[in-house]
Amino acid sequence: MARIGVSRRKALEAGACALVGAAAFSVTASARAGAGQSTTAEEIVRKWYKTWEVEKKDWGPFDVLLADNFTFSSAAGDDHINKSAFKTNCWDTQINFIGQFDLERVVASGNEAFAKYLCHTKNGKSFRNVEYFRLKDGKVEAIECYFGGKDTFPSAVSSGM
């Protein structure tokens, strides 16, 4: 039997794609049962990305969308950071850098959603990520961000690499 070597990066990239695919099948299977909740979750996720694109850079619209116990996780060392740390580490550093998001796919079911997007930066670069959202009572309770390829990590793009 032949062995096939797979790097952790490739396995993680494949895992993120598998998560989106699994969510899509789950939504298809339960579309009739949870259509109302899915629409609400999708609307909240779409509003989240639109809020990044507004000209007036104000934390207030973000704060309204986030639950008090909000957490954010990513491969960049963010391990369930709270709302305050997210504002300092992510929003404050990226709000003037983000140009727009092209939402390529939003899949929502109940209180969960996945979004795959292409983000365009103000310096003419772009990167692609997948994010998993957990929602509660109409607010974003948690986001887990899965980055695209290494040369498109937000940190690489923002530092001009």
N, C-alpha and C. Protein backbone atom coordinates (compact mmCIF):
# COMPACT_ATOMS: atom_id res chain seq x y z
N MET A 1 0.84 -1.17 0.00
CA MET A 1 0.00 0.00 0.00
C MET A 1 0.89 1.24 0.00
N ALA A 2 0.59 2.20 -0.83
CA ALA A 2 1.36 3.43 -0.93
C ALA A 2 0.94 4.41 0.15
N ARG A 3 1.91 5.12 0.69
CA ARG A 3 1.63 6.16 1.70
C ARG A 3 1.57 7.50 1.01
N ILE A 4 0.64 8.32 1.44
CA ILE A 4 0.51 9.67 0.90
C ILE A 4 0.75 10.63 2.04
N GLY A 5 1.72 11.52 1.86
CA GLY A 5 2.03 12.52 2.88
C GLY A 5 1.18 13.77 2.68
N VAL A 6 0.64 14.27 3.78
CA VAL A 6 -0.17 15.49 3.73
C VAL A 6 0.31 16.42 4.83
N SER A 7 0.61 17.65 4.47
CA SER A 7 1.04 18.62 5.47
C SER A 7 -0.14 19.03 6.35
N ARG A 8 0.15 19.55 7.52
CA ARG A 8 -0.93 20.03 8.40
C ARG A 8 -1.70 21.15 7.72
N ARG A 9 -0.99 22.03 6.99
CA ARG A 9 -1.65 23.15 6.30
C ARG A 9 -2.69 22.62 5.31
N LYS A 10 -2.29 21.62 4.50
CA LYS A 10 -3.22 21.06 3.52
C LYS A 10 -4.39 20.36 4.22
N ALA A 11 -4.09 19.68 5.31
CA ALA A 11 -5.16 19.02 6.06
C ALA A 11 -6.14 20.04 6.63
N LEU A 12 -5.62 21.17 7.17
CA LEU A 12 -6.49 22.21 7.71
C LEU A 12 -7.31 22.87 6.61
N GLU A 13 -6.67 23.12 5.46
CA GLU A 13 -7.41 23.71 4.34
C GLU A 13 -8.53 22.78 3.89
N ALA A 14 -8.21 21.49 3.80
CA ALA A 14 -9.23 20.51 3.41
C ALA A 14 -10.33 20.42 4.47
N GLY A 15 -9.94 20.54 5.73
CA GLY A 15 -10.91 20.49 6.82
C GLY A 15 -11.90 21.64 6.75
N ALA A 16 -11.40 22.84 6.46
CA ALA A 16 -12.29 24.01 6.36
C ALA A 16 -13.27 23.82 5.21
N CYS A 17 -12.78 23.30 4.10
CA CYS A 17 -13.67 23.05 2.96
C CYS A 17 -14.70 21.98 3.31
N ALA A 18 -14.26 20.94 4.03
CA ALA A 18 -15.19 19.89 4.42
C ALA A 18 -16.26 20.42 5.36
N LEU A 19 -15.88 21.34 6.27
CA LEU A 19 -16.87 21.93 7.18
C LEU A 19 -17.94 22.69 6.41
N VAL A 20 -17.51 23.47 5.43
CA VAL A 20 -18.48 24.22 4.62
C VAL A 20 -19.37 23.25 3.85
N GLY A 21 -18.77 22.21 3.28
CA GLY A 21 -19.56 21.22 2.55
C GLY A 21 -20.56 20.50 3.44
N ALA A 22 -20.11 20.10 4.62
CA ALA A 22 -21.01 19.43 5.56
C ALA A 22 -22.16 20.33 5.97
N ALA A 23 -21.85 21.60 6.20
CA ALA A 23 -22.90 22.55 6.57
C ALA A 23 -23.90 22.71 5.44
N ALA A 24 -23.42 22.72 4.20
CA ALA A 24 -24.31 22.86 3.05
C ALA A 24 -25.26 21.68 2.95
N PHE A 25 -24.74 20.46 3.18
CA PHE A 25 -25.61 19.28 3.13
C PHE A 25 -26.61 19.30 4.27
N SER A 26 -26.16 19.73 5.45
CA SER A 26 -27.05 19.81 6.59
C SER A 26 -28.18 20.79 6.34
N VAL A 27 -27.87 21.93 5.75
CA VAL A 27 -28.89 22.93 5.46
C VAL A 27 -29.87 22.39 4.43
N THR A 28 -29.37 21.71 3.41
CA THR A 28 -30.26 21.15 2.40
C THR A 28 -31.21 20.15 3.02
N ALA A 29 -30.70 19.31 3.91
CA ALA A 29 -31.53 18.28 4.52
C ALA A 29 -32.58 18.85 5.46
N SER A 30 -32.28 19.98 6.09
CA SER A 30 -33.22 20.52 7.07
C SER A 30 -33.81 21.86 6.64
N ALA A 31 -33.74 22.16 5.38
CA ALA A 31 -34.19 23.48 4.89
C ALA A 31 -35.64 23.75 5.23
N ARG A 32 -36.50 22.76 5.09
CA ARG A 32 -37.92 22.99 5.36
C ARG A 32 -38.19 23.21 6.83
N ALA A 33 -37.45 22.49 7.69
CA ALA A 33 -37.72 22.56 9.13
C ALA A 33 -37.25 23.86 9.76
N GLY A 34 -36.11 24.41 9.30
CA GLY A 34 -35.55 25.57 9.99
C GLY A 34 -35.38 26.79 9.12
N ALA A 35 -36.20 26.95 8.11
CA ALA A 35 -36.01 28.05 7.16
C ALA A 35 -36.02 29.41 7.84
N GLY A 36 -36.89 29.63 8.80
CA GLY A 36 -36.98 30.93 9.46
C GLY A 36 -35.70 31.27 10.21
N GLN A 37 -35.18 30.31 10.99
CA GLN A 37 -33.96 30.56 11.75
C GLN A 37 -32.76 30.75 10.83
N SER A 38 -32.66 29.96 9.75
CA SER A 38 -31.54 30.07 8.84
C SER A 38 -31.49 31.44 8.22
N THR A 39 -32.63 31.95 7.83
CA THR A 39 -32.68 33.27 7.22
C THR A 39 -32.18 34.31 8.20
N THR A 40 -32.59 34.23 9.45
CA THR A 40 -32.15 35.18 10.46
C THR A 40 -30.65 35.08 10.67
N ALA A 41 -30.10 33.89 10.79
CA ALA A 41 -28.66 33.70 10.97
C ALA A 41 -27.91 34.25 9.77
N GLU A 42 -28.39 33.98 8.58
CA GLU A 42 -27.72 34.48 7.38
C GLU A 42 -27.75 36.01 7.34
N GLU A 43 -28.87 36.59 7.69
CA GLU A 43 -28.97 38.06 7.70
C GLU A 43 -27.97 38.68 8.68
N ILE A 44 -27.83 38.07 9.85
CA ILE A 44 -26.90 38.59 10.85
C ILE A 44 -25.46 38.51 10.33
N VAL A 45 -25.12 37.38 9.73
CA VAL A 45 -23.77 37.19 9.18
C VAL A 45 -23.50 38.20 8.06
N ARG A 46 -24.46 38.37 7.16
CA ARG A 46 -24.28 39.34 6.07
C ARG A 46 -24.14 40.77 6.62
N LYS A 47 -24.89 41.07 7.66
CA LYS A 47 -24.79 42.41 8.28
C LYS A 47 -23.40 42.60 8.90
N TRP A 48 -22.85 41.55 9.50
CA TRP A 48 -21.52 41.60 10.10
C TRP A 48 -20.48 42.08 9.07
N TYR A 49 -20.51 41.46 7.89
CA TYR A 49 -19.53 41.82 6.86
C TYR A 49 -19.80 43.21 6.28
N LYS A 50 -21.04 43.58 6.13
CA LYS A 50 -21.38 44.92 5.62
C LYS A 50 -20.90 45.99 6.59
N THR A 51 -20.94 45.71 7.88
CA THR A 51 -20.53 46.67 8.89
C THR A 51 -19.04 47.02 8.75
N TRP A 52 -18.23 46.07 8.28
CA TRP A 52 -16.81 46.34 8.06
C TRP A 52 -16.59 47.34 6.92
N GLU A 53 -17.54 47.43 6.00
CA GLU A 53 -17.36 48.20 4.78
C GLU A 53 -17.83 49.65 4.87
N VAL A 54 -18.46 50.05 5.94
CA VAL A 54 -18.99 51.41 6.03
C VAL A 54 -17.87 52.43 6.09
N GLU A 55 -18.14 53.61 5.58
CA GLU A 55 -17.13 54.67 5.57
C GLU A 55 -16.82 55.17 6.98
N LYS A 56 -17.86 55.36 7.78
CA LYS A 56 -17.65 55.83 9.15
C LYS A 56 -17.20 54.65 9.99
N LYS A 57 -16.00 54.70 10.48
CA LYS A 57 -15.42 53.60 11.25
C LYS A 57 -15.77 53.76 12.72
N ASP A 58 -16.88 53.13 13.10
CA ASP A 58 -17.43 53.27 14.44
C ASP A 58 -17.62 51.89 15.04
N TRP A 59 -17.12 51.66 16.26
CA TRP A 59 -17.24 50.38 16.93
C TRP A 59 -18.69 50.07 17.31
N GLY A 60 -19.52 51.08 17.49
CA GLY A 60 -20.89 50.88 17.95
C GLY A 60 -21.69 49.84 17.18
N PRO A 61 -21.73 49.89 15.84
CA PRO A 61 -22.50 48.88 15.08
C PRO A 61 -21.97 47.46 15.27
N PHE A 62 -20.67 47.31 15.51
CA PHE A 62 -20.12 45.98 15.78
C PHE A 62 -20.55 45.50 17.16
N ASP A 63 -20.43 46.39 18.13
CA ASP A 63 -20.77 46.06 19.50
C ASP A 63 -22.21 45.58 19.62
N VAL A 64 -23.10 46.21 18.87
CA VAL A 64 -24.52 45.82 18.90
C VAL A 64 -24.73 44.40 18.37
N LEU A 65 -23.90 43.99 17.41
CA LEU A 65 -24.04 42.65 16.82
C LEU A 65 -23.46 41.54 17.69
N LEU A 66 -22.59 41.88 18.63
CA LEU A 66 -21.88 40.88 19.42
C LEU A 66 -22.51 40.65 20.79
N ALA A 67 -22.63 39.37 21.14
CA ALA A 67 -23.12 39.01 22.47
C ALA A 67 -22.10 39.45 23.52
N ASP A 68 -22.55 39.64 24.74
CA ASP A 68 -21.65 40.06 25.82
C ASP A 68 -20.53 39.04 26.04
N ASN A 69 -20.84 37.75 25.84
CA ASN A 69 -19.86 36.69 26.06
C ASN A 69 -19.16 36.26 24.76
N PHE A 70 -19.13 37.15 23.78
CA PHE A 70 -18.52 36.88 22.47
C PHE A 70 -17.08 36.40 22.61
N THR A 71 -16.70 35.42 21.74
CA THR A 71 -15.31 34.98 21.64
C THR A 71 -14.93 34.88 20.16
N PHE A 72 -13.64 35.09 19.90
CA PHE A 72 -13.08 34.98 18.56
C PHE A 72 -11.85 34.10 18.62
N SER A 73 -11.74 33.18 17.66
CA SER A 73 -10.59 32.29 17.57
C SER A 73 -10.07 32.26 16.15
N SER A 74 -8.73 32.15 16.02
CA SER A 74 -8.12 32.01 14.71
C SER A 74 -6.75 31.36 14.86
N ALA A 75 -6.18 30.99 13.73
CA ALA A 75 -4.85 30.38 13.72
C ALA A 75 -3.75 31.39 14.01
N ALA A 76 -4.09 32.66 14.11
CA ALA A 76 -3.10 33.71 14.37
C ALA A 76 -2.84 33.90 15.86
N GLY A 77 -3.21 32.92 16.66
CA GLY A 77 -2.95 33.01 18.10
C GLY A 77 -4.13 33.52 18.90
N ASP A 78 -5.23 33.76 18.26
CA ASP A 78 -6.44 34.21 18.96
C ASP A 78 -7.20 32.97 19.43
N ASP A 79 -7.17 32.69 20.72
CA ASP A 79 -7.84 31.49 21.23
C ASP A 79 -8.97 31.91 22.15
N HIS A 80 -10.15 32.03 21.59
CA HIS A 80 -11.35 32.42 22.34
C HIS A 80 -11.15 33.76 23.07
N ILE A 81 -10.61 34.73 22.33
CA ILE A 81 -10.45 36.05 22.95
C ILE A 81 -11.82 36.70 23.10
N ASN A 82 -11.95 37.53 24.12
CA ASN A 82 -13.25 38.15 24.39
C ASN A 82 -13.48 39.38 23.50
N LYS A 83 -14.62 40.00 23.69
CA LYS A 83 -15.01 41.15 22.86
C LYS A 83 -14.01 42.30 22.97
N SER A 84 -13.55 42.59 24.15
CA SER A 84 -12.60 43.69 24.34
C SER A 84 -11.28 43.41 23.62
N ALA A 85 -10.78 42.19 23.75
CA ALA A 85 -9.53 41.81 23.07
C ALA A 85 -9.72 41.80 21.55
N PHE A 86 -10.90 41.36 21.09
CA PHE A 86 -11.19 41.37 19.66
C PHE A 86 -11.15 42.80 19.14
N LYS A 87 -11.75 43.73 19.88
CA LYS A 87 -11.75 45.13 19.44
C LYS A 87 -10.32 45.65 19.31
N THR A 88 -9.50 45.38 20.31
CA THR A 88 -8.12 45.86 20.32
C THR A 88 -7.26 45.15 19.28
N ASN A 89 -7.32 43.83 19.24
CA ASN A 89 -6.42 43.03 18.39
C ASN A 89 -6.86 42.96 16.93
N CYS A 90 -8.15 43.02 16.68
CA CYS A 90 -8.65 42.79 15.32
C CYS A 90 -9.30 44.03 14.71
N TRP A 91 -10.31 44.55 15.36
CA TRP A 91 -11.03 45.69 14.80
C TRP A 91 -10.13 46.91 14.69
N ASP A 92 -9.49 47.30 15.81
CA ASP A 92 -8.64 48.50 15.80
C ASP A 92 -7.52 48.42 14.77
N THR A 93 -6.97 47.23 14.56
CA THR A 93 -5.84 47.08 13.64
C THR A 93 -6.27 46.89 12.19
N GLN A 94 -7.50 46.48 11.95
CA GLN A 94 -7.92 46.13 10.58
C GLN A 94 -9.01 47.01 9.98
N ILE A 95 -9.73 47.78 10.77
CA ILE A 95 -10.89 48.51 10.28
C ILE A 95 -10.53 49.49 9.16
N ASN A 96 -9.40 50.14 9.23
CA ASN A 96 -9.01 51.07 8.18
C ASN A 96 -8.26 50.39 7.04
N PHE A 97 -8.04 49.10 7.17
CA PHE A 97 -7.32 48.31 6.18
C PHE A 97 -8.28 47.55 5.25
N ILE A 98 -9.44 47.16 5.79
CA ILE A 98 -10.42 46.37 5.04
C ILE A 98 -11.15 47.27 4.05
N GLY A 99 -11.19 46.85 2.80
CA GLY A 99 -11.94 47.59 1.79
C GLY A 99 -13.36 47.06 1.67
N GLN A 100 -13.47 45.81 1.22
CA GLN A 100 -14.79 45.21 1.08
C GLN A 100 -14.68 43.70 1.11
N PHE A 101 -15.81 43.06 1.38
CA PHE A 101 -15.90 41.61 1.37
C PHE A 101 -16.79 41.18 0.21
N ASP A 102 -16.34 40.19 -0.53
CA ASP A 102 -17.20 39.50 -1.49
C ASP A 102 -17.59 38.19 -0.84
N LEU A 103 -18.84 38.13 -0.36
CA LEU A 103 -19.31 36.89 0.25
C LEU A 103 -19.57 35.89 -0.87
N GLU A 104 -18.77 34.85 -0.91
CA GLU A 104 -18.89 33.83 -1.95
C GLU A 104 -19.92 32.78 -1.57
N ARG A 105 -20.08 32.53 -0.27
CA ARG A 105 -21.04 31.53 0.19
C ARG A 105 -21.36 31.78 1.65
N VAL A 106 -22.62 31.81 1.99
CA VAL A 106 -23.07 31.85 3.37
C VAL A 106 -24.04 30.70 3.53
N VAL A 107 -23.72 29.82 4.47
CA VAL A 107 -24.56 28.65 4.73
C VAL A 107 -24.98 28.73 6.19
N ALA A 108 -26.27 28.79 6.45
CA ALA A 108 -26.77 28.94 7.81
C ALA A 108 -27.79 27.86 8.13
N SER A 109 -27.76 27.42 9.36
CA SER A 109 -28.72 26.44 9.85
C SER A 109 -28.90 26.67 11.35
N GLY A 110 -30.12 26.95 11.75
CA GLY A 110 -30.37 27.21 13.16
C GLY A 110 -29.56 28.38 13.65
N ASN A 111 -28.76 28.15 14.68
CA ASN A 111 -27.94 29.21 15.26
C ASN A 111 -26.48 29.13 14.83
N GLU A 112 -26.22 28.52 13.68
CA GLU A 112 -24.86 28.40 13.18
C GLU A 112 -24.80 28.85 11.73
N ALA A 113 -23.62 29.32 11.33
CA ALA A 113 -23.44 29.71 9.93
C ALA A 113 -21.97 29.62 9.57
N PHE A 114 -21.72 29.36 8.31
CA PHE A 114 -20.39 29.43 7.73
C PHE A 114 -20.41 30.48 6.64
N ALA A 115 -19.33 31.24 6.56
CA ALA A 115 -19.19 32.22 5.49
C ALA A 115 -17.83 32.02 4.84
N LYS A 116 -17.83 31.96 3.52
CA LYS A 116 -16.59 31.92 2.75
C LYS A 116 -16.54 33.25 2.00
N TYR A 117 -15.43 33.95 2.13
CA TYR A 117 -15.36 35.28 1.52
C TYR A 117 -13.99 35.56 0.92
N LEU A 118 -14.01 36.52 0.02
CA LEU A 118 -12.80 37.11 -0.53
C LEU A 118 -12.78 38.55 -0.01
N CYS A 119 -11.77 38.89 0.76
CA CYS A 119 -11.65 40.24 1.33
C CYS A 119 -10.68 41.04 0.48
N HIS A 120 -11.11 42.22 0.09
CA HIS A 120 -10.27 43.14 -0.66
C HIS A 120 -9.79 44.23 0.29
N THR A 121 -8.47 44.43 0.33
CA THR A 121 -7.89 45.42 1.22
C THR A 121 -7.76 46.76 0.49
N LYS A 122 -7.54 47.79 1.26
CA LYS A 122 -7.40 49.13 0.69
C LYS A 122 -6.06 49.33 -0.02
N ASN A 123 -5.13 48.38 0.16
CA ASN A 123 -3.85 48.49 -0.55
C ASN A 123 -3.82 47.61 -1.80
N GLY A 124 -5.01 47.17 -2.25
CA GLY A 124 -5.11 46.45 -3.51
C GLY A 124 -4.84 44.96 -3.44
N LYS A 125 -4.70 44.40 -2.25
CA LYS A 125 -4.48 42.96 -2.12
C LYS A 125 -5.78 42.30 -1.69
N SER A 126 -5.77 40.98 -1.66
CA SER A 126 -6.96 40.26 -1.21
C SER A 126 -6.55 38.97 -0.53
N PHE A 127 -7.47 38.45 0.28
CA PHE A 127 -7.28 37.15 0.92
C PHE A 127 -8.64 36.49 1.08
N ARG A 128 -8.61 35.17 1.19
CA ARG A 128 -9.84 34.39 1.29
C ARG A 128 -9.82 33.62 2.60
N ASN A 129 -10.93 33.66 3.33
CA ASN A 129 -11.08 32.93 4.58
C ASN A 129 -12.44 32.25 4.64
N VAL A 130 -12.56 31.34 5.59
CA VAL A 130 -13.84 30.74 5.95
C VAL A 130 -14.03 31.02 7.43
N GLU A 131 -15.22 31.47 7.82
CA GLU A 131 -15.50 31.72 9.22
C GLU A 131 -16.76 30.99 9.65
N TYR A 132 -16.68 30.41 10.84
CA TYR A 132 -17.81 29.73 11.46
C TYR A 132 -18.39 30.67 12.52
N PHE A 133 -19.69 30.88 12.46
CA PHE A 133 -20.40 31.75 13.40
C PHE A 133 -21.33 30.92 14.27
N ARG A 134 -21.34 31.21 15.55
CA ARG A 134 -22.36 30.66 16.46
C ARG A 134 -23.14 31.86 16.97
N LEU A 135 -24.46 31.77 16.86
CA LEU A 135 -25.34 32.89 17.22
C LEU A 135 -26.24 32.50 18.39
N LYS A 136 -26.63 33.51 19.14
CA LYS A 136 -27.56 33.27 20.24
C LYS A 136 -28.38 34.54 20.43
N ASP A 137 -29.69 34.39 20.47
CA ASP A 137 -30.60 35.52 20.69
C ASP A 137 -30.35 36.66 19.72
N GLY A 138 -30.07 36.33 18.46
CA GLY A 138 -29.90 37.34 17.43
C GLY A 138 -28.56 38.05 17.44
N LYS A 139 -27.60 37.54 18.20
CA LYS A 139 -26.28 38.16 18.28
C LYS A 139 -25.20 37.12 17.98
N VAL A 140 -24.03 37.61 17.58
CA VAL A 140 -22.91 36.72 17.31
C VAL A 140 -22.24 36.39 18.64
N GLU A 141 -22.26 35.09 18.97
CA GLU A 141 -21.68 34.64 20.23
C GLU A 141 -20.22 34.20 20.05
N ALA A 142 -19.90 33.65 18.86
CA ALA A 142 -18.53 33.19 18.61
C ALA A 142 -18.25 33.19 17.12
N ILE A 143 -16.99 33.48 16.79
CA ILE A 143 -16.49 33.36 15.42
C ILE A 143 -15.19 32.59 15.48
N GLU A 144 -15.06 31.60 14.60
CA GLU A 144 -13.80 30.89 14.40
C GLU A 144 -13.38 31.16 12.97
N CYS A 145 -12.17 31.72 12.80
CA CYS A 145 -11.68 32.09 11.48
C CYS A 145 -10.65 31.08 11.00
N TYR A 146 -10.85 30.58 9.77
CA TYR A 146 -9.94 29.63 9.13
C TYR A 146 -9.34 30.33 7.92
N PHE A 147 -8.03 30.60 7.98
CA PHE A 147 -7.35 31.38 6.95
C PHE A 147 -7.14 30.59 5.67
N GLY A 148 -7.02 31.33 4.58
CA GLY A 148 -6.65 30.76 3.29
C GLY A 148 -5.16 30.44 3.28
N GLY A 149 -4.54 30.41 2.09
CA GLY A 149 -3.13 30.09 1.94
C GLY A 149 -2.24 31.04 2.71
N LYS A 150 -1.02 30.59 3.07
CA LYS A 150 -0.11 31.36 3.91
C LYS A 150 0.17 32.75 3.36
N ASP A 151 0.35 32.88 2.05
CA ASP A 151 0.67 34.20 1.50
C ASP A 151 -0.53 35.13 1.48
N THR A 152 -1.71 34.61 1.84
CA THR A 152 -2.88 35.46 1.90
C THR A 152 -3.40 35.62 3.33
N PHE A 153 -2.62 35.18 4.34
CA PHE A 153 -3.03 35.42 5.72
C PHE A 153 -3.21 36.92 5.90
N PRO A 154 -4.18 37.35 6.68
CA PRO A 154 -4.35 38.79 6.89
C PRO A 154 -3.07 39.48 7.36
N SER A 155 -2.28 38.82 8.21
CA SER A 155 -1.05 39.45 8.68
C SER A 155 -0.06 39.66 7.55
N ALA A 156 0.03 38.72 6.62
CA ALA A 156 0.93 38.86 5.48
C ALA A 156 0.46 39.98 4.55
N VAL A 157 -0.83 40.04 4.34
CA VAL A 157 -1.38 41.05 3.44
C VAL A 157 -1.21 42.44 4.04
N SER A 158 -1.48 42.59 5.33
CA SER A 158 -1.42 43.91 5.94
C SER A 158 0.02 44.40 6.10
N SER A 159 0.98 43.49 6.19
CA SER A 159 2.38 43.93 6.33
C SER A 159 3.07 44.07 4.99
N GLY A 160 2.35 43.81 3.90
CA GLY A 160 2.90 44.01 2.57
C GLY A 160 3.75 42.87 2.07
N MET A 161 3.70 41.72 2.70
CA MET A 161 4.49 40.57 2.25
C MET A 161 4.03 40.06 0.90
